[in-house]
């Protein structure tokens, strides 16, 4: 299974934008869609949460929920900055 950076960013953004400090995997899976607006399989979401945890971007908390780490927020801010740089005229 390959890493999907768009999915990583979508998961980070989903958790960051939530009203709660942590989300269950089913809440994340329901909120995350691919570039075509289709849902993403729970296996893909689960795998990406695991490798994101390996990278220190998210952390599993009690009850099977996931929260962002400081690094996760930093990665999301970096993605936003990169998008802003892409929007600048050359």
N, C-alpha and C. Protein backbone atom coordinates (compact mmCIF):
# COMPACT_ATOMS: atom_id res chain seq x y z
N UNK A 1 0.85 -1.17 0.00
CA UNK A 1 0.00 0.00 0.00
C UNK A 1 0.90 1.24 0.00
N UNK A 2 0.63 2.16 -0.88
CA UNK A 2 1.41 3.38 -1.02
C UNK A 2 0.87 4.48 -0.11
N UNK A 3 1.77 5.40 0.25
CA UNK A 3 1.32 6.58 1.00
C UNK A 3 0.57 7.50 0.06
N UNK A 4 -0.45 8.12 0.56
CA UNK A 4 -1.23 9.08 -0.20
C UNK A 4 -1.20 10.39 0.59
N UNK A 5 -0.37 11.33 0.11
CA UNK A 5 -0.18 12.58 0.85
C UNK A 5 -1.45 13.42 0.88
N UNK A 6 -2.27 13.33 -0.16
CA UNK A 6 -3.55 14.05 -0.13
C UNK A 6 -4.45 13.51 0.98
N UNK A 7 -4.42 12.19 1.17
CA UNK A 7 -5.20 11.59 2.25
C UNK A 7 -4.65 11.99 3.61
N UNK A 8 -3.33 12.05 3.73
CA UNK A 8 -2.71 12.49 4.99
C UNK A 8 -3.20 13.89 5.35
N UNK A 9 -3.15 14.80 4.38
CA UNK A 9 -3.58 16.18 4.63
C UNK A 9 -5.08 16.21 4.95
N UNK A 10 -5.87 15.42 4.25
CA UNK A 10 -7.31 15.39 4.51
C UNK A 10 -7.60 14.89 5.93
N UNK A 11 -6.87 13.89 6.37
CA UNK A 11 -7.05 13.38 7.74
C UNK A 11 -6.64 14.44 8.75
N UNK A 12 -5.49 15.06 8.53
CA UNK A 12 -5.03 16.12 9.45
C UNK A 12 -6.06 17.23 9.54
N UNK A 13 -6.55 17.66 8.38
CA UNK A 13 -7.51 18.77 8.35
C UNK A 13 -8.83 18.37 9.02
N UNK A 14 -9.26 17.14 8.81
CA UNK A 14 -10.50 16.65 9.43
C UNK A 14 -10.42 16.69 10.95
N UNK A 15 -9.30 16.22 11.48
CA UNK A 15 -9.15 16.21 12.94
C UNK A 15 -9.00 17.64 13.47
N UNK A 16 -8.23 18.47 12.77
CA UNK A 16 -8.01 19.85 13.22
C UNK A 16 -9.30 20.66 13.20
N UNK A 17 -10.16 20.42 12.23
CA UNK A 17 -11.39 21.20 12.08
C UNK A 17 -12.54 20.68 12.94
N UNK A 18 -12.35 19.57 13.62
CA UNK A 18 -13.42 18.97 14.42
C UNK A 18 -13.72 19.81 15.66
N UNK A 19 -14.93 19.69 16.15
CA UNK A 19 -15.32 20.38 17.38
C UNK A 19 -14.78 19.69 18.62
N UNK A 20 -14.32 18.46 18.46
CA UNK A 20 -13.78 17.68 19.57
C UNK A 20 -12.26 17.59 19.45
N UNK A 21 -11.55 17.35 20.55
CA UNK A 21 -10.09 17.26 20.48
C UNK A 21 -9.59 15.97 19.83
N UNK A 22 -10.45 14.96 19.71
CA UNK A 22 -10.07 13.70 19.09
C UNK A 22 -11.29 13.12 18.39
N UNK A 23 -11.04 12.34 17.34
CA UNK A 23 -12.12 11.72 16.58
C UNK A 23 -11.90 10.22 16.47
N UNK A 24 -12.99 9.47 16.48
CA UNK A 24 -12.93 8.03 16.24
C UNK A 24 -12.67 7.78 14.76
N UNK A 25 -12.13 6.62 14.45
CA UNK A 25 -11.79 6.31 13.06
C UNK A 25 -13.01 6.37 12.16
N UNK A 26 -14.18 5.96 12.64
CA UNK A 26 -15.37 6.01 11.80
C UNK A 26 -15.78 7.45 11.50
N UNK A 27 -15.55 8.36 12.44
CA UNK A 27 -15.83 9.78 12.19
C UNK A 27 -14.86 10.34 11.14
N UNK A 28 -13.61 9.94 11.23
CA UNK A 28 -12.61 10.39 10.25
C UNK A 28 -12.94 9.83 8.88
N UNK A 29 -13.24 8.54 8.83
CA UNK A 29 -13.55 7.89 7.55
C UNK A 29 -14.76 8.53 6.89
N UNK A 30 -15.78 8.86 7.66
CA UNK A 30 -16.98 9.49 7.12
C UNK A 30 -16.68 10.87 6.54
N UNK A 31 -15.79 11.61 7.17
CA UNK A 31 -15.50 12.98 6.76
C UNK A 31 -14.53 13.07 5.59
N UNK A 32 -13.67 12.07 5.43
CA UNK A 32 -12.62 12.13 4.41
C UNK A 32 -13.15 11.59 3.09
N UNK A 33 -12.95 12.37 2.04
CA UNK A 33 -13.31 11.94 0.68
C UNK A 33 -12.10 12.13 -0.23
N UNK A 34 -12.05 11.37 -1.32
CA UNK A 34 -10.94 11.51 -2.26
C UNK A 34 -11.18 12.70 -3.19
N UNK A 35 -10.26 12.89 -4.14
CA UNK A 35 -10.34 14.05 -5.03
C UNK A 35 -11.59 14.02 -5.92
N UNK A 36 -12.23 12.87 -6.05
CA UNK A 36 -13.45 12.75 -6.84
C UNK A 36 -14.72 12.85 -6.00
N UNK A 37 -14.56 13.11 -4.71
CA UNK A 37 -15.70 13.22 -3.83
C UNK A 37 -16.23 11.89 -3.32
N UNK A 38 -15.47 10.82 -3.54
CA UNK A 38 -15.88 9.49 -3.08
C UNK A 38 -15.31 9.22 -1.70
N UNK A 39 -15.98 8.39 -0.94
CA UNK A 39 -15.47 7.99 0.36
C UNK A 39 -14.19 7.17 0.22
N UNK A 40 -13.41 7.13 1.26
CA UNK A 40 -12.16 6.38 1.29
C UNK A 40 -12.36 5.17 2.19
N UNK A 41 -11.90 4.01 1.76
CA UNK A 41 -12.08 2.77 2.52
C UNK A 41 -11.45 2.89 3.90
N UNK A 42 -12.13 2.31 4.88
CA UNK A 42 -11.65 2.37 6.26
C UNK A 42 -10.25 1.76 6.38
N UNK A 43 -9.93 0.76 5.56
CA UNK A 43 -8.59 0.16 5.60
C UNK A 43 -7.52 1.18 5.22
N UNK A 44 -7.81 2.02 4.24
CA UNK A 44 -6.87 3.06 3.83
C UNK A 44 -6.70 4.09 4.94
N UNK A 45 -7.82 4.50 5.52
CA UNK A 45 -7.77 5.48 6.60
C UNK A 45 -7.00 4.90 7.78
N UNK A 46 -7.28 3.66 8.15
CA UNK A 46 -6.60 3.02 9.29
C UNK A 46 -5.11 2.90 9.03
N UNK A 47 -4.73 2.48 7.83
CA UNK A 47 -3.31 2.36 7.50
C UNK A 47 -2.62 3.71 7.58
N UNK A 48 -3.24 4.73 7.03
CA UNK A 48 -2.63 6.06 7.05
C UNK A 48 -2.55 6.62 8.47
N UNK A 49 -3.54 6.36 9.30
CA UNK A 49 -3.45 6.79 10.70
C UNK A 49 -2.27 6.10 11.39
N UNK A 50 -2.07 4.81 11.10
CA UNK A 50 -0.95 4.08 11.70
C UNK A 50 0.40 4.67 11.27
N UNK A 51 0.56 4.92 9.97
CA UNK A 51 1.86 5.46 9.53
C UNK A 51 2.01 6.93 9.93
N UNK A 52 0.90 7.64 10.04
CA UNK A 52 0.97 9.02 10.55
C UNK A 52 1.39 9.02 12.01
N UNK A 53 0.94 8.02 12.77
CA UNK A 53 1.37 7.89 14.17
C UNK A 53 2.86 7.56 14.22
N UNK A 54 3.32 6.69 13.31
CA UNK A 54 4.75 6.38 13.24
C UNK A 54 5.58 7.65 13.00
N UNK A 55 5.03 8.57 12.20
CA UNK A 55 5.72 9.82 11.88
C UNK A 55 5.52 10.90 12.93
N UNK A 56 4.69 10.62 13.95
CA UNK A 56 4.47 11.59 15.01
C UNK A 56 3.44 12.65 14.70
N UNK A 57 2.62 12.44 13.66
CA UNK A 57 1.62 13.44 13.28
C UNK A 57 0.32 13.32 14.06
N UNK A 58 -0.04 12.10 14.42
CA UNK A 58 -1.26 11.84 15.20
C UNK A 58 -0.93 10.87 16.32
N UNK A 59 -1.84 10.81 17.28
CA UNK A 59 -1.66 9.89 18.41
C UNK A 59 -3.00 9.26 18.74
N UNK A 60 -2.97 7.95 18.96
CA UNK A 60 -4.18 7.25 19.39
C UNK A 60 -4.41 7.55 20.87
N UNK A 61 -5.67 7.80 21.21
CA UNK A 61 -6.04 8.06 22.60
C UNK A 61 -7.06 7.02 23.04
N UNK A 62 -7.42 7.03 24.30
CA UNK A 62 -8.36 6.04 24.84
C UNK A 62 -9.63 5.95 24.01
N UNK A 63 -10.12 4.75 23.87
CA UNK A 63 -11.37 4.53 23.17
C UNK A 63 -11.24 4.45 21.67
N UNK A 64 -10.03 4.38 21.14
CA UNK A 64 -9.84 4.25 19.71
C UNK A 64 -9.94 5.55 18.94
N UNK A 65 -9.90 6.66 19.62
CA UNK A 65 -9.94 7.96 18.94
C UNK A 65 -8.52 8.41 18.59
N UNK A 66 -8.44 9.37 17.71
CA UNK A 66 -7.15 9.91 17.25
C UNK A 66 -7.14 11.41 17.43
N UNK A 67 -5.99 11.95 17.84
CA UNK A 67 -5.84 13.40 17.97
C UNK A 67 -4.56 13.82 17.24
N UNK A 68 -4.49 15.10 16.91
CA UNK A 68 -3.27 15.63 16.30
C UNK A 68 -2.22 15.86 17.37
N UNK A 69 -0.97 15.74 16.98
CA UNK A 69 0.15 16.12 17.83
C UNK A 69 0.61 17.51 17.41
N UNK A 70 1.56 18.04 18.16
CA UNK A 70 2.14 19.34 17.78
C UNK A 70 2.71 19.26 16.37
N UNK A 71 3.40 18.15 16.08
CA UNK A 71 3.96 17.95 14.74
C UNK A 71 2.86 17.90 13.68
N UNK A 72 1.72 17.32 14.02
CA UNK A 72 0.61 17.26 13.09
C UNK A 72 0.09 18.64 12.74
N UNK A 73 -0.04 19.49 13.76
CA UNK A 73 -0.46 20.87 13.50
C UNK A 73 0.59 21.61 12.66
N UNK A 74 1.87 21.39 12.97
CA UNK A 74 2.94 22.02 12.19
C UNK A 74 2.89 21.58 10.73
N UNK A 75 2.67 20.29 10.49
CA UNK A 75 2.60 19.77 9.12
C UNK A 75 1.43 20.40 8.37
N UNK A 76 0.31 20.56 9.03
CA UNK A 76 -0.86 21.16 8.41
C UNK A 76 -0.60 22.63 8.09
N UNK A 77 0.04 23.35 9.00
CA UNK A 77 0.40 24.75 8.74
C UNK A 77 1.38 24.85 7.58
N UNK A 78 2.33 23.92 7.50
CA UNK A 78 3.29 23.93 6.40
C UNK A 78 2.58 23.69 5.07
N UNK A 79 1.62 22.80 5.05
CA UNK A 79 0.85 22.55 3.83
C UNK A 79 0.10 23.81 3.41
N UNK A 80 -0.49 24.52 4.38
CA UNK A 80 -1.19 25.77 4.08
C UNK A 80 -0.23 26.81 3.51
N UNK A 81 0.97 26.91 4.09
CA UNK A 81 1.97 27.85 3.59
C UNK A 81 2.41 27.48 2.18
N UNK A 82 2.58 26.20 1.92
CA UNK A 82 2.97 25.75 0.58
C UNK A 82 1.90 26.09 -0.44
N UNK A 83 0.62 25.94 -0.06
CA UNK A 83 -0.47 26.30 -0.96
C UNK A 83 -0.47 27.80 -1.22
N UNK A 84 -0.19 28.61 -0.19
CA UNK A 84 -0.12 30.06 -0.37
C UNK A 84 1.01 30.43 -1.32
N UNK A 85 2.15 29.77 -1.19
CA UNK A 85 3.29 30.03 -2.08
C UNK A 85 2.95 29.66 -3.51
N UNK A 86 2.20 28.58 -3.71
CA UNK A 86 1.80 28.16 -5.06
C UNK A 86 0.87 29.17 -5.70
N UNK A 87 0.12 29.91 -4.89
CA UNK A 87 -0.85 30.87 -5.41
C UNK A 87 -0.21 32.20 -5.80
N UNK A 88 1.03 32.42 -5.39
CA UNK A 88 1.70 33.67 -5.71
C UNK A 88 2.05 33.74 -7.19
N UNK A 89 1.85 34.91 -7.82
CA UNK A 89 2.23 35.03 -9.24
C UNK A 89 3.74 35.02 -9.39
N UNK A 90 4.18 34.48 -10.47
CA UNK A 90 5.63 34.41 -10.74
C UNK A 90 6.08 35.62 -11.51
